[in-house]
Amino acid sequence: MSKGIDEGLEKLKDALLAGKPGLSDEDFHAAVEQCMAENDPGFTPDRLFACVKERLGIE
C-alpha cells in the first residue's frame, strides 16, 4: 500500500478504537485484510475506509 493509505488507515484505526469500546487492533486489521481481499487493486482509499467501517459496524 502507499504511504498515504497507510497513514489514513492509522488515523482511521485511532479514531475507531477511541470511539468504539471493545474494538481491538486485531479486529481492525482483520477488517482491512478482508476489504483488501474483496476489492480490486485500483479501488480508492475512500472505498477502503468505508468498507472497513462497514465491517466493524460503524456508520
PDB file of N, CA and C in Angstrom:
ATOM      1  N   MET A   1       0.840  -1.186   0.000  1.00  0.00           N
ATOM      2  CA  MET A   1       0.000   0.000   0.000  1.00  0.00           C
ATOM      3  C   MET A   1       0.875   1.237   0.000  1.00  0.00           C
ATOM      4  N   SER A   2       0.289   2.309  -0.451  1.00  0.00           N
ATOM      5  CA  SER A   2       1.054   3.553  -0.479  1.00  0.00           C
ATOM      6  C   SER A   2       1.124   4.154   0.921  1.00  0.00           C
ATOM      7  N   LYS A   3       2.088   5.023   1.086  1.00  0.00           N
ATOM      8  CA  LYS A   3       2.279   5.661   2.394  1.00  0.00           C
ATOM      9  C   LYS A   3       1.024   6.429   2.817  1.00  0.00           C
ATOM     10  N   GLY A   4       0.368   7.104   1.863  1.00  0.00           N
ATOM     11  CA  GLY A   4      -0.839   7.870   2.183  1.00  0.00           C
ATOM     12  C   GLY A   4      -1.963   6.989   2.700  1.00  0.00           C
ATOM     13  N   ILE A   5      -2.121   5.820   2.088  1.00  0.00           N
ATOM     14  CA  ILE A   5      -3.160   4.902   2.547  1.00  0.00           C
ATOM     15  C   ILE A   5      -2.807   4.369   3.927  1.00  0.00           C
ATOM     16  N   ASP A   6      -1.547   4.011   4.126  1.00  0.00           N
ATOM     17  CA  ASP A   6      -1.123   3.529   5.449  1.00  0.00           C
ATOM     18  C   ASP A   6      -1.380   4.573   6.526  1.00  0.00           C
ATOM     19  N   GLU A   7      -1.048   5.835   6.232  1.00  0.00           N
ATOM     20  CA  GLU A   7      -1.276   6.907   7.207  1.00  0.00           C
ATOM     21  C   GLU A   7      -2.766   7.097   7.455  1.00  0.00           C
ATOM     22  N   GLY A   8      -3.556   7.030   6.394  1.00  0.00           N
ATOM     23  CA  GLY A   8      -5.002   7.162   6.534  1.00  0.00           C
ATOM     24  C   GLY A   8      -5.594   6.044   7.368  1.00  0.00           C
ATOM     25  N   LEU A   9      -5.092   4.825   7.156  1.00  0.00           N
ATOM     26  CA  LEU A   9      -5.573   3.687   7.942  1.00  0.00           C
ATOM     27  C   LEU A   9      -5.210   3.836   9.410  1.00  0.00           C
ATOM     28  N   GLU A  10      -4.029   4.342   9.685  1.00  0.00           N
ATOM     29  CA  GLU A  10      -3.631   4.545  11.085  1.00  0.00           C
ATOM     30  C   GLU A  10      -4.538   5.575  11.754  1.00  0.00           C
ATOM     31  N   LYS A  11      -4.849   6.655  11.049  1.00  0.00           N
ATOM     32  CA  LYS A  11      -5.737   7.683  11.610  1.00  0.00           C
ATOM     33  C   LYS A  11      -7.134   7.115  11.822  1.00  0.00           C
ATOM     34  N   LEU A  12      -7.605   6.340  10.828  1.00  0.00           N
ATOM     35  CA  LEU A  12      -8.925   5.723  10.945  1.00  0.00           C
ATOM     36  C   LEU A  12      -8.943   4.761  12.126  1.00  0.00           C
ATOM     37  N   LYS A  13      -7.914   3.945  12.264  1.00  0.00           N
ATOM     38  CA  LYS A  13      -7.837   2.981  13.367  1.00  0.00           C
ATOM     39  C   LYS A  13      -7.871   3.713  14.703  1.00  0.00           C
ATOM     40  N   ASP A  14      -7.081   4.753  14.843  1.00  0.00           N
ATOM     41  CA  ASP A  14      -7.050   5.507  16.103  1.00  0.00           C
ATOM     42  C   ASP A  14      -8.428   6.069  16.437  1.00  0.00           C
ATOM     43  N   ALA A  15      -9.095   6.625  15.433  1.00  0.00           N
ATOM     44  CA  ALA A  15     -10.421   7.207  15.657  1.00  0.00           C
ATOM     45  C   ALA A  15     -11.437   6.131  16.013  1.00  0.00           C
ATOM     46  N   LEU A  16     -11.382   4.998  15.312  1.00  0.00           N
ATOM     47  CA  LEU A  16     -12.338   3.931  15.580  1.00  0.00           C
ATOM     48  C   LEU A  16     -12.105   3.284  16.942  1.00  0.00           C
ATOM     49  N   LEU A  17     -10.847   3.065  17.288  1.00  0.00           N
ATOM     50  CA  LEU A  17     -10.544   2.462  18.585  1.00  0.00           C
ATOM     51  C   LEU A  17     -10.973   3.386  19.725  1.00  0.00           C
ATOM     52  N   ALA A  18     -10.821   4.681  19.520  1.00  0.00           N
ATOM     53  CA  ALA A  18     -11.222   5.649  20.547  1.00  0.00           C
ATOM     54  C   ALA A  18     -12.739   5.736  20.658  1.00  0.00           C
ATOM     55  N   GLY A  19     -13.421   5.563  19.523  1.00  0.00           N
ATOM     56  CA  GLY A  19     -14.869   5.767  19.505  1.00  0.00           C
ATOM     57  C   GLY A  19     -15.705   4.526  19.719  1.00  0.00           C
ATOM     58  N   LYS A  20     -15.089   3.364  19.694  1.00  0.00           N
ATOM     59  CA  LYS A  20     -15.864   2.131  19.854  1.00  0.00           C
ATOM     60  C   LYS A  20     -15.198   1.234  20.889  1.00  0.00           C
ATOM     61  N   PRO A  21     -15.638   1.318  22.133  1.00  0.00           N
ATOM     62  CA  PRO A  21     -15.061   0.482  23.178  1.00  0.00           C
ATOM     63  C   PRO A  21     -15.175  -1.005  22.816  1.00  0.00           C
ATOM     64  N   GLY A  22     -14.153  -1.758  23.123  1.00  0.00           N
ATOM     65  CA  GLY A  22     -14.172  -3.181  22.857  1.00  0.00           C
ATOM     66  C   GLY A  22     -13.594  -3.566  21.509  1.00  0.00           C
ATOM     67  N   LEU A  23     -13.381  -2.596  20.645  1.00  0.00           N
ATOM     68  CA  LEU A  23     -12.785  -2.866  19.340  1.00  0.00           C
ATOM     69  C   LEU A  23     -11.278  -3.014  19.527  1.00  0.00           C
ATOM     70  N   SER A  24     -10.734  -4.068  18.971  1.00  0.00           N
ATOM     71  CA  SER A  24      -9.297  -4.299  19.147  1.00  0.00           C
ATOM     72  C   SER A  24      -8.526  -3.979  17.873  1.00  0.00           C
ATOM     73  N   ASP A  25      -7.242  -3.834  18.044  1.00  0.00           N
ATOM     74  CA  ASP A  25      -6.331  -3.632  16.924  1.00  0.00           C
ATOM     75  C   ASP A  25      -6.461  -4.801  15.943  1.00  0.00           C
ATOM     76  N   GLU A  26      -6.603  -6.008  16.482  1.00  0.00           N
ATOM     77  CA  GLU A  26      -6.738  -7.202  15.644  1.00  0.00           C
ATOM     78  C   GLU A  26      -8.020  -7.155  14.828  1.00  0.00           C
ATOM     79  N   ASP A  27      -9.119  -6.697  15.440  1.00  0.00           N
ATOM     80  CA  ASP A  27     -10.392  -6.566  14.718  1.00  0.00           C
ATOM     81  C   ASP A  27     -10.222  -5.629  13.530  1.00  0.00           C
ATOM     82  N   PHE A  28      -9.549  -4.521  13.783  1.00  0.00           N
ATOM     83  CA  PHE A  28      -9.346  -3.529  12.735  1.00  0.00           C
ATOM     84  C   PHE A  28      -8.529  -4.115  11.582  1.00  0.00           C
ATOM     85  N   HIS A  29      -7.416  -4.750  11.908  1.00  0.00           N
ATOM     86  CA  HIS A  29      -6.551  -5.296  10.858  1.00  0.00           C
ATOM     87  C   HIS A  29      -7.227  -6.429  10.091  1.00  0.00           C
ATOM     88  N   ALA A  30      -8.055  -7.215  10.770  1.00  0.00           N
ATOM     89  CA  ALA A  30      -8.800  -8.275  10.092  1.00  0.00           C
ATOM     90  C   ALA A  30      -9.785  -7.668   9.093  1.00  0.00           C
ATOM     91  N   ALA A  31     -10.451  -6.582   9.484  1.00  0.00           N
ATOM     92  CA  ALA A  31     -11.385  -5.911   8.582  1.00  0.00           C
ATOM     93  C   ALA A  31     -10.654  -5.341   7.370  1.00  0.00           C
ATOM     94  N   VAL A  32      -9.486  -4.743   7.592  1.00  0.00           N
ATOM     95  CA  VAL A  32      -8.694  -4.198   6.481  1.00  0.00           C
ATOM     96  C   VAL A  32      -8.311  -5.313   5.512  1.00  0.00           C
ATOM     97  N   GLU A  33      -7.849  -6.431   6.048  1.00  0.00           N
ATOM     98  CA  GLU A  33      -7.438  -7.545   5.189  1.00  0.00           C
ATOM     99  C   GLU A  33      -8.613  -8.085   4.384  1.00  0.00           C
ATOM    100  N   GLN A  34      -9.780  -8.208   5.005  1.00  0.00           N
ATOM    101  CA  GLN A  34     -10.965  -8.695   4.296  1.00  0.00           C
ATOM    102  C   GLN A  34     -11.351  -7.734   3.178  1.00  0.00           C
ATOM    103  N   CYS A  35     -11.321  -6.450   3.472  1.00  0.00           N
ATOM    104  CA  CYS A  35     -11.691  -5.455   2.462  1.00  0.00           C
ATOM    105  C   CYS A  35     -10.687  -5.443   1.311  1.00  0.00           C
ATOM    106  N   MET A  36      -9.422  -5.569   1.634  1.00  0.00           N
ATOM    107  CA  MET A  36      -8.389  -5.579   0.599  1.00  0.00           C
ATOM    108  C   MET A  36      -8.573  -6.806  -0.311  1.00  0.00           C
ATOM    109  N   ALA A  37      -8.915  -7.928   0.277  1.00  0.00           N
ATOM    110  CA  ALA A  37      -9.082  -9.166  -0.490  1.00  0.00           C
ATOM    111  C   ALA A  37     -10.302  -9.100  -1.407  1.00  0.00           C
ATOM    112  N   GLU A  38     -11.317  -8.375  -0.996  1.00  0.00           N
ATOM    113  CA  GLU A  38     -12.574  -8.317  -1.749  1.00  0.00           C
ATOM    114  C   GLU A  38     -12.561  -7.285  -2.861  1.00  0.00           C
ATOM    115  N   ASN A  39     -11.720  -6.295  -2.771  1.00  0.00           N
ATOM    116  CA  ASN A  39     -11.745  -5.194  -3.729  1.00  0.00           C
ATOM    117  C   ASN A  39     -10.650  -5.328  -4.764  1.00  0.00           C
ATOM    118  N   ASP A  40     -10.918  -4.748  -5.907  1.00  0.00           N
ATOM    119  CA  ASP A  40      -9.925  -4.774  -6.973  1.00  0.00           C
ATOM    120  C   ASP A  40      -8.750  -3.880  -6.583  1.00  0.00           C
ATOM    121  N   PRO A  41      -7.589  -4.107  -7.182  1.00  0.00           N
ATOM    122  CA  PRO A  41      -6.383  -3.356  -6.806  1.00  0.00           C
ATOM    123  C   PRO A  41      -6.492  -1.844  -7.023  1.00  0.00           C
ATOM    124  N   GLY A  42      -7.393  -1.409  -7.882  1.00  0.00           N
ATOM    125  CA  GLY A  42      -7.492   0.017  -8.173  1.00  0.00           C
ATOM    126  C   GLY A  42      -8.503   0.770  -7.333  1.00  0.00           C
ATOM    127  N   PHE A  43      -9.047   0.154  -6.295  1.00  0.00           N
ATOM    128  CA  PHE A  43     -10.056   0.860  -5.514  1.00  0.00           C
ATOM    129  C   PHE A  43      -9.429   2.014  -4.750  1.00  0.00           C
ATOM    130  N   THR A  44     -10.256   2.976  -4.426  1.00  0.00           N
ATOM    131  CA  THR A  44      -9.764   4.201  -3.796  1.00  0.00           C
ATOM    132  C   THR A  44      -9.635   4.033  -2.283  1.00  0.00           C
ATOM    133  N   PRO A  45      -8.791   4.848  -1.664  1.00  0.00           N
ATOM    134  CA  PRO A  45      -8.697   4.820  -0.196  1.00  0.00           C
ATOM    135  C   PRO A  45     -10.055   5.048   0.472  1.00  0.00           C
ATOM    136  N   ASP A  46     -10.868   5.943  -0.102  1.00  0.00           N
ATOM    137  CA  ASP A  46     -12.185   6.201   0.488  1.00  0.00           C
ATOM    138  C   ASP A  46     -13.038   4.941   0.518  1.00  0.00           C
ATOM    139  N   ARG A  47     -12.987   4.160  -0.548  1.00  0.00           N
ATOM    140  CA  ARG A  47     -13.740   2.903  -0.587  1.00  0.00           C
ATOM    141  C   ARG A  47     -13.203   1.928   0.454  1.00  0.00           C
ATOM    142  N   LEU A  48     -11.895   1.882   0.597  1.00  0.00           N
ATOM    143  CA  LEU A  48     -11.297   1.005   1.598  1.00  0.00           C
ATOM    144  C   LEU A  48     -11.746   1.409   2.996  1.00  0.00           C
ATOM    145  N   PHE A  49     -11.669   2.698   3.311  1.00  0.00           N
ATOM    146  CA  PHE A  49     -12.039   3.179   4.633  1.00  0.00           C
ATOM    147  C   PHE A  49     -13.518   2.896   4.911  1.00  0.00           C
ATOM    148  N   ALA A  50     -14.374   3.114   3.902  1.00  0.00           N
ATOM    149  CA  ALA A  50     -15.806   2.857   4.069  1.00  0.00           C
ATOM    150  C   ALA A  50     -16.062   1.369   4.308  1.00  0.00           C
ATOM    151  N   CYS A  51     -15.358   0.524   3.587  1.00  0.00           N
ATOM    152  CA  CYS A  51     -15.507  -0.924   3.755  1.00  0.00           C
ATOM    153  C   CYS A  51     -15.106  -1.341   5.168  1.00  0.00           C
ATOM    154  N   VAL A  52     -13.994  -0.821   5.647  1.00  0.00           N
ATOM    155  CA  VAL A  52     -13.515  -1.167   6.993  1.00  0.00           C
ATOM    156  C   VAL A  52     -14.549  -0.742   8.035  1.00  0.00           C
ATOM    157  N   LYS A  53     -15.056   0.467   7.908  1.00  0.00           N
ATOM    158  CA  LYS A  53     -16.053   0.947   8.870  1.00  0.00           C
ATOM    159  C   LYS A  53     -17.305   0.078   8.826  1.00  0.00           C
ATOM    160  N   GLU A  54     -17.719  -0.298   7.629  1.00  0.00           N
ATOM    161  CA  GLU A  54     -18.901  -1.144   7.484  1.00  0.00           C
ATOM    162  C   GLU A  54     -18.666  -2.508   8.144  1.00  0.00           C
ATOM    163  N   ARG A  55     -17.511  -3.099   7.914  1.00  0.00           N
ATOM    164  CA  ARG A  55     -17.172  -4.401   8.509  1.00  0.00           C
ATOM    165  C   ARG A  55     -17.220  -4.354  10.032  1.00  0.00           C
ATOM    166  N   LEU A  56     -16.826  -3.216  10.577  1.00  0.00           N
ATOM    167  CA  LEU A  56     -16.765  -3.077  12.032  1.00  0.00           C
ATOM    168  C   LEU A  56     -18.076  -2.575  12.625  1.00  0.00           C
ATOM    169  N   GLY A  57     -19.081  -2.363  11.769  1.00  0.00           N
ATOM    170  CA  GLY A  57     -20.387  -1.934  12.249  1.00  0.00           C
ATOM    171  C   GLY A  57     -20.433  -0.488  12.682  1.00  0.00           C
ATOM    172  N   ILE A  58     -19.637   0.346  12.008  1.00  0.00           N
ATOM    173  CA  ILE A  58     -19.586   1.765  12.347  1.00  0.00           C
ATOM    174  C   ILE A  58     -20.122   2.559  11.171  1.00  0.00           C
ATOM    175  N   GLU A  59     -20.990   3.511  11.468  1.00  0.00           N
ATOM    176  CA  GLU A  59     -21.580   4.302  10.382  1.00  0.00           C
ATOM    177  C   GLU A  59     -20.873   5.607  10.191  1.00  0.00           C
TER     178      GLU A  59
END
